[in-house]
Amino acid sequence: MIVTEYMANGSLDTFLRNNDGKFSYLQLIGMMRGISSGMKYLSEMGYVHRDLAARNILVTEHLVCKVADFGLSREVENDTTDGAYTTKGGKIPVRWTAPEAIAFRKFTSASDVWSYGVVMWEVMSYGERPYWNWSNQDVIKAVEKGYRLPPPMDCPEAIHQLMLDCWQRERNHRPKFGAIVKTLDKLIRAPELLRKMAKPRPHNFIDPNAPDLTSFTSIEEWLMSIKMERYIENFMNAGYMSMDQVARITMKDLMDLNISLVGHQKKIMNSVQMLRAQIYGAQMSEGFLV
């Protein structure tokens, strides 16, 4: 059994979704710093977590984040296993799992670092689902081809670069948790480093089964395509006129539009995220796309 103090704000993913857009960059980085500090401790103690995700982080009333849910955690012996834990069965949280752990079921502190990069993305996107509504197989295929999650809206370049460092294909090239803590400490001490916003990078994968959302010329057409036409009047009354405006929608905006059903919120946000991904792709030269 693991005993912790009462964590008043519950799980990080739900907490972020319920407070979309309410925190400063320094507050968000403080959350990431707490998680990386906890993971540094675990890795130094010889443990791999194997299920690091925002849903498994708990938040105190003072926004301190602590790593939880050790159901898949394992102790590893560096002397005999090269710091790796290999499993032959069981489910894997694909969207958060490093390629070598998916392919060979080989888990290390470096595979936890990959998962940590996805947690950073969850924090900066206020709890959006990694890879949106893609299937697990599409996620695996995309990552194998070199696709990496684009920066969330208004994400500092320094933060997205740290995510990309965590997502290096070669596990030995990824930073260790101690280095991640130092990087985040540096950003907290020098917030001027956060002024430059990240720009989407070229990638060579877009879900081939996804409809081309950039082809829609009206919000009505888009909402009808995802069977959410009941909200056309909500969007019109709020002044939404173009798909460019749709691409900037947040979960808070959906609440302001009186879209309160969780299933409908997810369906609309999944479509918005896919629209963003397709816009990013369209902005790149055609030579980058396969």
C-alpha atoms as a PDB file:
ATOM      1  CA  MET A   1       0.000   0.000   0.000  1.00  0.00           C
ATOM      2  CA  ILE A   2       1.053   3.589  -0.650  1.00  0.00           C
ATOM      3  CA  VAL A   3      -0.125   6.331   1.689  1.00  0.00           C
ATOM      4  CA  THR A   4      -0.123   9.964   0.579  1.00  0.00           C
ATOM      5  CA  GLU A   5      -1.607  13.133   1.956  1.00  0.00           C
ATOM      6  CA  TYR A   6      -5.010  14.205   0.662  1.00  0.00           C
ATOM      7  CA  MET A   7      -4.561  15.585  -2.881  1.00  0.00           C
ATOM      8  CA  ALA A   8      -7.386  18.090  -3.060  1.00  0.00           C
ATOM      9  CA  ASN A   9      -7.326  18.719  -6.824  1.00  0.00           C
ATOM     10  CA  GLY A  10      -7.404  15.073  -7.870  1.00  0.00           C
ATOM     11  CA  SER A  11      -5.889  13.768 -11.087  1.00  0.00           C
ATOM     12  CA  LEU A  12      -3.902  16.173 -13.248  1.00  0.00           C
ATOM     13  CA  ASP A  13      -5.677  15.490 -16.558  1.00  0.00           C
ATOM     14  CA  THR A  14      -9.147  16.214 -15.171  1.00  0.00           C
ATOM     15  CA  PHE A  15      -7.877  19.194 -13.192  1.00  0.00           C
ATOM     16  CA  LEU A  16      -6.328  20.747 -16.316  1.00  0.00           C
ATOM     17  CA  ARG A  17      -9.425  20.178 -18.444  1.00  0.00           C
ATOM     18  CA  ASN A  18     -11.562  21.845 -15.782  1.00  0.00           C
ATOM     19  CA  ASN A  19      -9.227  24.860 -15.640  1.00  0.00           C
ATOM     20  CA  ASP A  20      -8.382  25.357 -19.318  1.00  0.00           C
ATOM     21  CA  GLY A  21      -6.275  28.476 -19.902  1.00  0.00           C
ATOM     22  CA  LYS A  22      -6.230  29.611 -16.261  1.00  0.00           C
ATOM     23  CA  PHE A  23      -2.543  29.177 -15.437  1.00  0.00           C
ATOM     24  CA  SER A  24       0.634  31.073 -16.299  1.00  0.00           C
ATOM     25  CA  TYR A  25       3.572  29.433 -18.035  1.00  0.00           C
ATOM     26  CA  LEU A  26       5.487  29.436 -14.752  1.00  0.00           C
ATOM     27  CA  GLN A  27       2.639  27.655 -12.965  1.00  0.00           C
ATOM     28  CA  LEU A  28       2.493  24.998 -15.701  1.00  0.00           C
ATOM     29  CA  ILE A  29       6.258  24.561 -15.636  1.00  0.00           C
ATOM     30  CA  GLY A  30       6.083  24.281 -11.849  1.00  0.00           C
ATOM     31  CA  MET A  31       3.698  21.342 -12.308  1.00  0.00           C
ATOM     32  CA  MET A  32       6.103  19.710 -14.786  1.00  0.00           C
ATOM     33  CA  ARG A  33       9.000  20.336 -12.414  1.00  0.00           C
ATOM     34  CA  GLY A  34       7.238  18.525  -9.577  1.00  0.00           C
ATOM     35  CA  ILE A  35       6.569  15.505 -11.788  1.00  0.00           C
ATOM     36  CA  SER A  36      10.155  15.362 -13.076  1.00  0.00           C
ATOM     37  CA  SER A  37      11.482  15.666  -9.521  1.00  0.00           C
ATOM     38  CA  GLY A  38       9.352  12.713  -8.447  1.00  0.00           C
ATOM     39  CA  MET A  39      10.528  10.684 -11.437  1.00  0.00           C
ATOM     40  CA  LYS A  40      14.165  11.600 -10.715  1.00  0.00           C
ATOM     41  CA  TYR A  41      13.720  10.130  -7.235  1.00  0.00           C
ATOM     42  CA  LEU A  42      12.102   6.959  -8.589  1.00  0.00           C
ATOM     43  CA  SER A  43      14.786   6.423 -11.238  1.00  0.00           C
ATOM     44  CA  GLU A  44      17.579   6.956  -8.712  1.00  0.00           C
ATOM     45  CA  MET A  45      15.916   4.375  -6.477  1.00  0.00           C
ATOM     46  CA  GLY A  46      15.999   1.892  -9.359  1.00  0.00           C
ATOM     47  CA  TYR A  47      12.336   1.876 -10.353  1.00  0.00           C
ATOM     48  CA  VAL A  48      10.609   2.200 -13.713  1.00  0.00           C
ATOM     49  CA  HIS A  49       7.048   3.510 -13.540  1.00  0.00           C
ATOM     50  CA  ARG A  50       5.797   2.204 -16.940  1.00  0.00           C
ATOM     51  CA  ASP A  51       2.495   4.110 -16.760  1.00  0.00           C
ATOM     52  CA  LEU A  52       3.454   7.770 -16.467  1.00  0.00           C
ATOM     53  CA  ALA A  53       0.538   9.898 -17.713  1.00  0.00           C
ATOM     54  CA  ALA A  54      -1.372  12.965 -16.517  1.00  0.00           C
ATOM     55  CA  ARG A  55      -4.186  10.708 -15.295  1.00  0.00           C
ATOM     56  CA  ASN A  56      -1.694   9.160 -12.852  1.00  0.00           C
ATOM     57  CA  ILE A  57      -0.461  12.443 -11.395  1.00  0.00           C
ATOM     58  CA  LEU A  58      -2.196  13.888  -8.327  1.00  0.00           C
ATOM     59  CA  VAL A  59      -2.423  17.617  -7.562  1.00  0.00           C
ATOM     60  CA  THR A  60      -2.489  19.334  -4.166  1.00  0.00           C
ATOM     61  CA  GLU A  61      -4.446  22.491  -3.386  1.00  0.00           C
ATOM     62  CA  HIS A  62      -1.181  24.432  -3.888  1.00  0.00           C
ATOM     63  CA  LEU A  63      -0.701  22.959  -7.415  1.00  0.00           C
ATOM     64  CA  VAL A  64       2.100  20.634  -6.311  1.00  0.00           C
ATOM     65  CA  CYS A  65       2.084  17.573  -8.582  1.00  0.00           C
ATOM     66  CA  LYS A  66       3.063  14.136  -7.310  1.00  0.00           C
ATOM     67  CA  VAL A  67       3.529  10.875  -9.186  1.00  0.00           C
ATOM     68  CA  ALA A  68       0.966   8.190  -8.302  1.00  0.00           C
ATOM     69  CA  ASP A  69      -0.519   4.877  -9.503  1.00  0.00           C
ATOM     70  CA  PHE A  70       2.370   2.456  -9.254  1.00  0.00           C
ATOM     71  CA  GLY A  71       0.386  -0.544 -10.462  1.00  0.00           C
ATOM     72  CA  LEU A  72       2.809  -1.197 -13.329  1.00  0.00           C
ATOM     73  CA  SER A  73       5.995  -0.048 -11.562  1.00  0.00           C
ATOM     74  CA  ARG A  74       8.917  -2.455 -11.316  1.00  0.00           C
ATOM     75  CA  GLU A  75      12.292  -2.459  -9.609  1.00  0.00           C
ATOM     76  CA  VAL A  76      15.230  -3.013 -11.953  1.00  0.00           C
ATOM     77  CA  GLU A  77      18.768  -4.152 -11.267  1.00  0.00           C
ATOM     78  CA  ASN A  78      21.378  -2.232 -13.226  1.00  0.00           C
ATOM     79  CA  ASP A  79      24.015  -4.886 -12.610  1.00  0.00           C
ATOM     80  CA  THR A  80      22.142  -7.676 -14.342  1.00  0.00           C
ATOM     81  CA  THR A  81      19.551  -6.114 -16.663  1.00  0.00           C
ATOM     82  CA  ASP A  82      21.115  -2.921 -18.028  1.00  0.00           C
ATOM     83  CA  GLY A  83      18.458  -1.050 -16.076  1.00  0.00           C
ATOM     84  CA  ALA A  84      15.670  -2.626 -18.123  1.00  0.00           C
ATOM     85  CA  TYR A  85      12.502  -4.493 -17.230  1.00  0.00           C
ATOM     86  CA  THR A  86      11.159  -6.797 -19.935  1.00  0.00           C
ATOM     87  CA  THR A  87       7.608  -8.113 -19.878  1.00  0.00           C
ATOM     88  CA  LYS A  88       5.926 -10.755 -22.022  1.00  0.00           C
ATOM     89  CA  GLY A  89       2.318  -9.716 -21.654  1.00  0.00           C
ATOM     90  CA  GLY A  90      -0.169  -7.193 -20.371  1.00  0.00           C
ATOM     91  CA  LYS A  91      -1.661  -4.046 -21.820  1.00  0.00           C
ATOM     92  CA  ILE A  92       0.487  -1.084 -22.797  1.00  0.00           C
ATOM     93  CA  PRO A  93      -0.695   2.580 -22.749  1.00  0.00           C
ATOM     94  CA  VAL A  94       0.392   3.092 -26.363  1.00  0.00           C
ATOM     95  CA  ARG A  95       0.032   6.891 -26.575  1.00  0.00           C
ATOM     96  CA  TRP A  96       2.447   7.365 -23.672  1.00  0.00           C
ATOM     97  CA  THR A  97       4.850   4.500 -24.371  1.00  0.00           C
ATOM     98  CA  ALA A  98       8.272   4.648 -26.016  1.00  0.00           C
ATOM     99  CA  PRO A  99       8.711   2.795 -29.345  1.00  0.00           C
ATOM    100  CA  GLU A 100      11.183   0.249 -27.960  1.00  0.00           C
ATOM    101  CA  ALA A 101       8.802  -0.570 -25.107  1.00  0.00           C
ATOM    102  CA  ILE A 102       5.969  -1.162 -27.573  1.00  0.00           C
ATOM    103  CA  ALA A 103       8.104  -3.191 -29.997  1.00  0.00           C
ATOM    104  CA  PHE A 104      10.200  -5.217 -27.543  1.00  0.00           C
ATOM    105  CA  ARG A 105       8.348  -4.663 -24.241  1.00  0.00           C
ATOM    106  CA  LYS A 106      11.603  -3.323 -22.816  1.00  0.00           C
ATOM    107  CA  PHE A 107      11.034  -0.662 -20.160  1.00  0.00           C
ATOM    108  CA  THR A 108      13.730   1.573 -18.673  1.00  0.00           C
ATOM    109  CA  SER A 109      14.026   4.974 -17.048  1.00  0.00           C
ATOM    110  CA  ALA A 110      14.538   6.235 -20.616  1.00  0.00           C
ATOM    111  CA  SER A 111      11.116   4.887 -21.632  1.00  0.00           C
ATOM    112  CA  ASP A 112       9.687   6.739 -18.630  1.00  0.00           C
ATOM    113  CA  VAL A 113      11.351   9.887 -20.026  1.00  0.00           C
ATOM    114  CA  TRP A 114       9.456   9.382 -23.302  1.00  0.00           C
ATOM    115  CA  SER A 115       6.218   9.131 -21.321  1.00  0.00           C
ATOM    116  CA  TYR A 116       7.183  12.268 -19.416  1.00  0.00           C
ATOM    117  CA  GLY A 117       7.427  14.177 -22.702  1.00  0.00           C
ATOM    118  CA  VAL A 118       3.821  13.193 -23.440  1.00  0.00           C
ATOM    119  CA  VAL A 119       2.815  14.350 -19.953  1.00  0.00           C
ATOM    120  CA  MET A 120       4.441  17.727 -20.711  1.00  0.00           C
ATOM    121  CA  TRP A 121       2.299  17.906 -23.862  1.00  0.00           C
ATOM    122  CA  GLU A 122      -0.797  17.090 -21.805  1.00  0.00           C
ATOM    123  CA  VAL A 123       0.044  19.886 -19.369  1.00  0.00           C
ATOM    124  CA  MET A 124       0.617  22.508 -22.076  1.00  0.00           C
ATOM    125  CA  SER A 125      -2.579  21.477 -23.925  1.00  0.00           C
ATOM    126  CA  TYR A 126      -4.627  21.472 -20.700  1.00  0.00           C
ATOM    127  CA  GLY A 127      -5.425  17.786 -20.718  1.00  0.00           C
ATOM    128  CA  GLU A 128      -6.089  17.136 -24.397  1.00  0.00           C
ATOM    129  CA  ARG A 129      -5.814  13.529 -25.540  1.00  0.00           C
ATOM    130  CA  PRO A 130      -2.405  12.742 -27.083  1.00  0.00           C
ATOM    131  CA  TYR A 131      -2.778  11.993 -30.808  1.00  0.00           C
ATOM    132  CA  TRP A 132      -6.433  13.006 -30.537  1.00  0.00           C
ATOM    133  CA  ASN A 133      -8.813  10.339 -31.881  1.00  0.00           C
ATOM    134  CA  TRP A 134      -6.198   8.332 -33.818  1.00  0.00           C
ATOM    135  CA  SER A 135      -6.264   4.594 -33.311  1.00  0.00           C
ATOM    136  CA  ASN A 136      -3.404   2.972 -31.384  1.00  0.00           C
ATOM    137  CA  GLN A 137      -2.154   1.379 -34.594  1.00  0.00           C
ATOM    138  CA  ASP A 138      -2.068   4.750 -36.355  1.00  0.00           C
ATOM    139  CA  VAL A 139      -0.131   6.210 -33.410  1.00  0.00           C
ATOM    140  CA  ILE A 140       2.428   3.387 -33.552  1.00  0.00           C
ATOM    141  CA  LYS A 141       2.798   3.740 -37.313  1.00  0.00           C
ATOM    142  CA  ALA A 142       3.122   7.536 -37.138  1.00  0.00           C
ATOM    143  CA  VAL A 143       5.751   7.533 -34.386  1.00  0.00           C
ATOM    144  CA  GLU A 144       7.734   4.864 -36.230  1.00  0.00           C
ATOM    145  CA  LYS A 145       7.745   7.116 -39.314  1.00  0.00           C
ATOM    146  CA  GLY A 146       9.144   9.969 -37.238  1.00  0.00           C
ATOM    147  CA  TYR A 147       5.974  11.886 -36.402  1.00  0.00           C
ATOM    148  CA  ARG A 148       6.043  13.774 -33.112  1.00  0.00           C
ATOM    149  CA  LEU A 149       3.220  15.666 -31.445  1.00  0.00           C
ATOM    150  CA  PRO A 150       3.163  19.315 -32.589  1.00  0.00           C
ATOM    151  CA  PRO A 151       3.399  22.108 -30.020  1.00  0.00           C
ATOM    152  CA  PRO A 152       0.086  22.908 -28.338  1.00  0.00           C
ATOM    153  CA  MET A 153      -1.327  26.372 -28.936  1.00  0.00           C
ATOM    154  CA  ASP A 154       0.832  29.125 -27.369  1.00  0.00           C
ATOM    155  CA  CYS A 155       3.564  26.717 -26.268  1.00  0.00           C
ATOM    156  CA  PRO A 156       7.041  28.217 -25.674  1.00  0.00           C
ATOM    157  CA  GLU A 157       9.679  26.838 -28.011  1.00  0.00           C
ATOM    158  CA  ALA A 158      11.945  25.854 -25.101  1.00  0.00           C
ATOM    159  CA  ILE A 159       9.198  23.635 -23.659  1.00  0.00           C
ATOM    160  CA  HIS A 160       8.390  21.920 -26.963  1.00  0.00           C
ATOM    161  CA  GLN A 161      12.106  21.354 -27.592  1.00  0.00           C
ATOM    162  CA  LEU A 162      12.345  19.549 -24.250  1.00  0.00           C
ATOM    163  CA  MET A 163       9.394  17.368 -25.307  1.00  0.00           C
ATOM    164  CA  LEU A 164      11.205  16.536 -28.563  1.00  0.00           C
ATOM    165  CA  ASP A 165      14.362  15.680 -26.612  1.00  0.00           C
ATOM    166  CA  CYS A 166      12.295  13.216 -24.556  1.00  0.00           C
ATOM    167  CA  TRP A 167      11.005  11.684 -27.811  1.00  0.00           C
ATOM    168  CA  GLN A 168      14.389  10.840 -29.322  1.00  0.00           C
ATOM    169  CA  ARG A 169      14.200   7.514 -31.135  1.00  0.00           C
ATOM    170  CA  GLU A 170      17.410   6.266 -29.497  1.00  0.00           C
ATOM    171  CA  ARG A 171      16.696   5.858 -25.807  1.00  0.00           C
ATOM    172  CA  ASN A 172      20.296   6.689 -24.854  1.00  0.00           C
ATOM    173  CA  HIS A 173      19.911  10.095 -26.513  1.00  0.00           C
ATOM    174  CA  ARG A 174      17.042  11.127 -24.252  1.00  0.00           C
ATOM    175  CA  PRO A 175      17.819  13.343 -21.248  1.00  0.00           C
ATOM    176  CA  LYS A 176      17.816  11.801 -17.793  1.00  0.00           C
ATOM    177  CA  PHE A 177      15.315  13.078 -15.227  1.00  0.00           C
ATOM    178  CA  GLY A 178      18.050  14.914 -13.334  1.00  0.00           C
ATOM    179  CA  ALA A 179      18.859  16.933 -16.466  1.00  0.00           C
ATOM    180  CA  ILE A 180      15.149  17.613 -17.069  1.00  0.00           C
ATOM    181  CA  VAL A 181      14.785  19.024 -13.536  1.00  0.00           C
ATOM    182  CA  LYS A 182      17.777  21.315 -14.142  1.00  0.00           C
ATOM    183  CA  THR A 183      16.357  22.508 -17.478  1.00  0.00           C
ATOM    184  CA  LEU A 184      12.998  23.348 -15.923  1.00  0.00           C
ATOM    185  CA  ASP A 185      14.710  25.103 -13.005  1.00  0.00           C
ATOM    186  CA  LYS A 186      16.607  27.220 -15.528  1.00  0.00           C
ATOM    187  CA  LEU A 187      13.379  28.198 -17.295  1.00  0.00           C
ATOM    188  CA  ILE A 188      11.719  29.089 -13.982  1.00  0.00           C
ATOM    189  CA  ARG A 189      14.673  31.316 -13.038  1.00  0.00           C
ATOM    190  CA  ALA A 190      14.870  32.917 -16.497  1.00  0.00           C
ATOM    191  CA  PRO A 191      11.267  33.272 -17.761  1.00  0.00           C
ATOM    192  CA  GLU A 192      12.474  35.473 -20.627  1.00  0.00           C
ATOM    193  CA  LEU A 193      13.486  32.189 -22.286  1.00  0.00           C
ATOM    194  CA  LEU A 194       9.767  31.396 -22.613  1.00  0.00           C
ATOM    195  CA  ARG A 195       8.932  34.372 -24.841  1.00  0.00           C
ATOM    196  CA  LYS A 196       9.644  32.671 -28.145  1.00  0.00           C
ATOM    197  CA  MET A 197       6.653  30.576 -29.186  1.00  0.00           C
ATOM    198  CA  ALA A 198       7.095  27.186 -30.837  1.00  0.00           C
ATOM    199  CA  LYS A 199       6.210  26.812 -34.493  1.00  0.00           C
ATOM    200  CA  PRO A 200       4.889  23.566 -35.959  1.00  0.00           C
ATOM    201  CA  ARG A 201       7.647  21.446 -37.464  1.00  0.00           C
ATOM    202  CA  PRO A 202       7.498  19.467 -40.699  1.00  0.00           C
ATOM    203  CA  HIS A 203       6.269  15.920 -40.292  1.00  0.00           C
ATOM    204  CA  ASN A 204       5.554  13.119 -42.671  1.00  0.00           C
ATOM    205  CA  PHE A 205       2.434  11.559 -41.274  1.00  0.00           C
ATOM    206  CA  ILE A 206      -1.203  12.554 -41.234  1.00  0.00           C
ATOM    207  CA  ASP A 207      -3.861   9.954 -40.520  1.00  0.00           C
ATOM    208  CA  PRO A 208      -4.782   8.705 -44.013  1.00  0.00           C
ATOM    209  CA  ASN A 209      -8.304   7.841 -42.919  1.00  0.00           C
ATOM    210  CA  ALA A 210      -9.069  11.301 -41.574  1.00  0.00           C
ATOM    211  CA  PRO A 211     -11.373  13.567 -43.595  1.00  0.00           C
ATOM    212  CA  ASP A 212      -9.777  16.722 -44.992  1.00  0.00           C
ATOM    213  CA  LEU A 213     -11.161  19.247 -42.524  1.00  0.00           C
ATOM    214  CA  THR A 214      -9.366  22.117 -44.255  1.00  0.00           C
ATOM    215  CA  SER A 215     -11.715  21.705 -47.238  1.00  0.00           C
ATOM    216  CA  PHE A 216     -14.758  22.887 -45.273  1.00  0.00           C
ATOM    217  CA  THR A 217     -15.784  26.422 -46.168  1.00  0.00           C
ATOM    218  CA  SER A 218     -18.282  26.967 -43.370  1.00  0.00           C
ATOM    219  CA  ILE A 219     -18.758  26.091 -39.733  1.00  0.00           C
ATOM    220  CA  GLU A 220     -22.165  24.619 -40.571  1.00  0.00           C
ATOM    221  CA  GLU A 221     -20.584  22.186 -43.039  1.00  0.00           C
ATOM    222  CA  TRP A 222     -17.939  21.175 -40.491  1.00  0.00           C
ATOM    223  CA  LEU A 223     -20.434  20.587 -37.658  1.00  0.00           C
ATOM    224  CA  MET A 224     -22.679  18.540 -39.934  1.00  0.00           C
ATOM    225  CA  SER A 225     -19.714  16.360 -40.938  1.00  0.00           C
ATOM    226  CA  ILE A 226     -19.163  15.349 -37.294  1.00  0.00           C
ATOM    227  CA  LYS A 227     -22.907  15.101 -36.584  1.00  0.00           C
ATOM    228  CA  MET A 228     -22.843  18.068 -34.195  1.00  0.00           C
ATOM    229  CA  GLU A 229     -25.173  20.292 -36.235  1.00  0.00           C
ATOM    230  CA  ARG A 230     -27.293  20.879 -33.140  1.00  0.00           C
ATOM    231  CA  TYR A 231     -24.654  23.431 -32.075  1.00  0.00           C
ATOM    232  CA  ILE A 232     -24.649  25.524 -35.269  1.00  0.00           C
ATOM    233  CA  GLU A 233     -26.724  28.241 -33.621  1.00  0.00           C
ATOM    234  CA  ASN A 234     -24.422  28.270 -30.577  1.00  0.00           C
ATOM    235  CA  PHE A 235     -21.418  29.001 -32.794  1.00  0.00           C
ATOM    236  CA  MET A 236     -23.248  31.584 -34.899  1.00  0.00           C
ATOM    237  CA  ASN A 237     -24.562  33.477 -31.880  1.00  0.00           C
ATOM    238  CA  ALA A 238     -21.054  33.584 -30.388  1.00  0.00           C
ATOM    239  CA  GLY A 239     -19.663  35.187 -33.543  1.00  0.00           C
ATOM    240  CA  TYR A 240     -17.754  32.267 -35.035  1.00  0.00           C
ATOM    241  CA  MET A 241     -17.552  32.854 -38.782  1.00  0.00           C
ATOM    242  CA  SER A 242     -14.561  30.908 -40.131  1.00  0.00           C
ATOM    243  CA  MET A 243     -12.680  27.627 -39.786  1.00  0.00           C
ATOM    244  CA  ASP A 244      -9.593  29.607 -38.729  1.00  0.00           C
ATOM    245  CA  GLN A 245     -11.533  30.585 -35.618  1.00  0.00           C
ATOM    246  CA  VAL A 246     -12.528  26.953 -35.097  1.00  0.00           C
ATOM    247  CA  ALA A 247      -8.860  25.880 -35.143  1.00  0.00           C
ATOM    248  CA  ARG A 248      -8.193  28.097 -32.105  1.00  0.00           C
ATOM    249  CA  ILE A 249     -11.050  26.769 -29.974  1.00  0.00           C
ATOM    250  CA  THR A 250     -10.239  25.553 -26.452  1.00  0.00           C
ATOM    251  CA  MET A 251     -12.233  23.463 -24.001  1.00  0.00           C
ATOM    252  CA  LYS A 252     -13.097  26.652 -22.125  1.00  0.00           C
ATOM    253  CA  ASP A 253     -14.565  28.085 -25.338  1.00  0.00           C
ATOM    254  CA  LEU A 254     -16.809  25.033 -25.645  1.00  0.00           C
ATOM    255  CA  MET A 255     -18.085  25.609 -22.117  1.00  0.00           C
ATOM    256  CA  ASP A 256     -18.760  29.260 -23.003  1.00  0.00           C
ATOM    257  CA  LEU A 257     -20.746  27.965 -25.995  1.00  0.00           C
ATOM    258  CA  ASN A 258     -22.938  25.989 -23.564  1.00  0.00           C
ATOM    259  CA  ILE A 259     -21.663  22.668 -24.906  1.00  0.00           C
ATOM    260  CA  SER A 260     -21.677  20.794 -21.605  1.00  0.00           C
ATOM    261  CA  LEU A 261     -21.993  17.122 -22.588  1.00  0.00           C
ATOM    262  CA  VAL A 262     -18.554  15.540 -22.129  1.00  0.00           C
ATOM    263  CA  GLY A 263     -18.969  13.220 -25.109  1.00  0.00           C
ATOM    264  CA  HIS A 264     -19.856  16.117 -27.399  1.00  0.00           C
ATOM    265  CA  GLN A 265     -16.965  18.187 -26.062  1.00  0.00           C
ATOM    266  CA  LYS A 266     -14.539  15.356 -26.815  1.00  0.00           C
ATOM    267  CA  LYS A 267     -15.948  14.802 -30.294  1.00  0.00           C
ATOM    268  CA  ILE A 268     -15.644  18.480 -31.188  1.00  0.00           C
ATOM    269  CA  MET A 269     -12.168  18.878 -29.661  1.00  0.00           C
ATOM    270  CA  ASN A 270     -10.913  15.754 -31.442  1.00  0.00           C
ATOM    271  CA  SER A 271     -12.040  17.304 -34.718  1.00  0.00           C
ATOM    272  CA  VAL A 272     -10.470  20.660 -33.819  1.00  0.00           C
ATOM    273  CA  GLN A 273      -7.153  18.961 -33.040  1.00  0.00           C
ATOM    274  CA  MET A 274      -7.230  17.082 -36.337  1.00  0.00           C
ATOM    275  CA  LEU A 275      -7.981  20.365 -38.121  1.00  0.00           C
ATOM    276  CA  ARG A 276      -4.933  21.932 -36.468  1.00  0.00           C
ATOM    277  CA  ALA A 277      -2.730  19.004 -37.474  1.00  0.00           C
ATOM    278  CA  GLN A 278      -3.918  19.272 -41.077  1.00  0.00           C
ATOM    279  CA  ILE A 279      -3.387  23.029 -41.116  1.00  0.00           C
ATOM    280  CA  TYR A 280       0.154  22.486 -39.813  1.00  0.00           C
ATOM    281  CA  GLY A 281       0.776  19.988 -42.589  1.00  0.00           C
ATOM    282  CA  ALA A 282      -0.633  22.304 -45.246  1.00  0.00           C
ATOM    283  CA  GLN A 283       1.696  25.077 -44.088  1.00  0.00           C
ATOM    284  CA  MET A 284       4.742  22.931 -44.746  1.00  0.00           C
ATOM    285  CA  SER A 285       6.192  22.528 -48.210  1.00  0.00           C
ATOM    286  CA  GLU A 286       4.829  19.538 -50.083  1.00  0.00           C
ATOM    287  CA  GLY A 287       8.278  18.004 -50.110  1.00  0.00           C
ATOM    288  CA  PHE A 288       7.939  17.222 -46.402  1.00  0.00           C
ATOM    289  CA  LEU A 289       4.730  15.243 -46.814  1.00  0.00           C
ATOM    290  CA  VAL A 290       4.448  11.618 -47.849  1.00  0.00           C
END
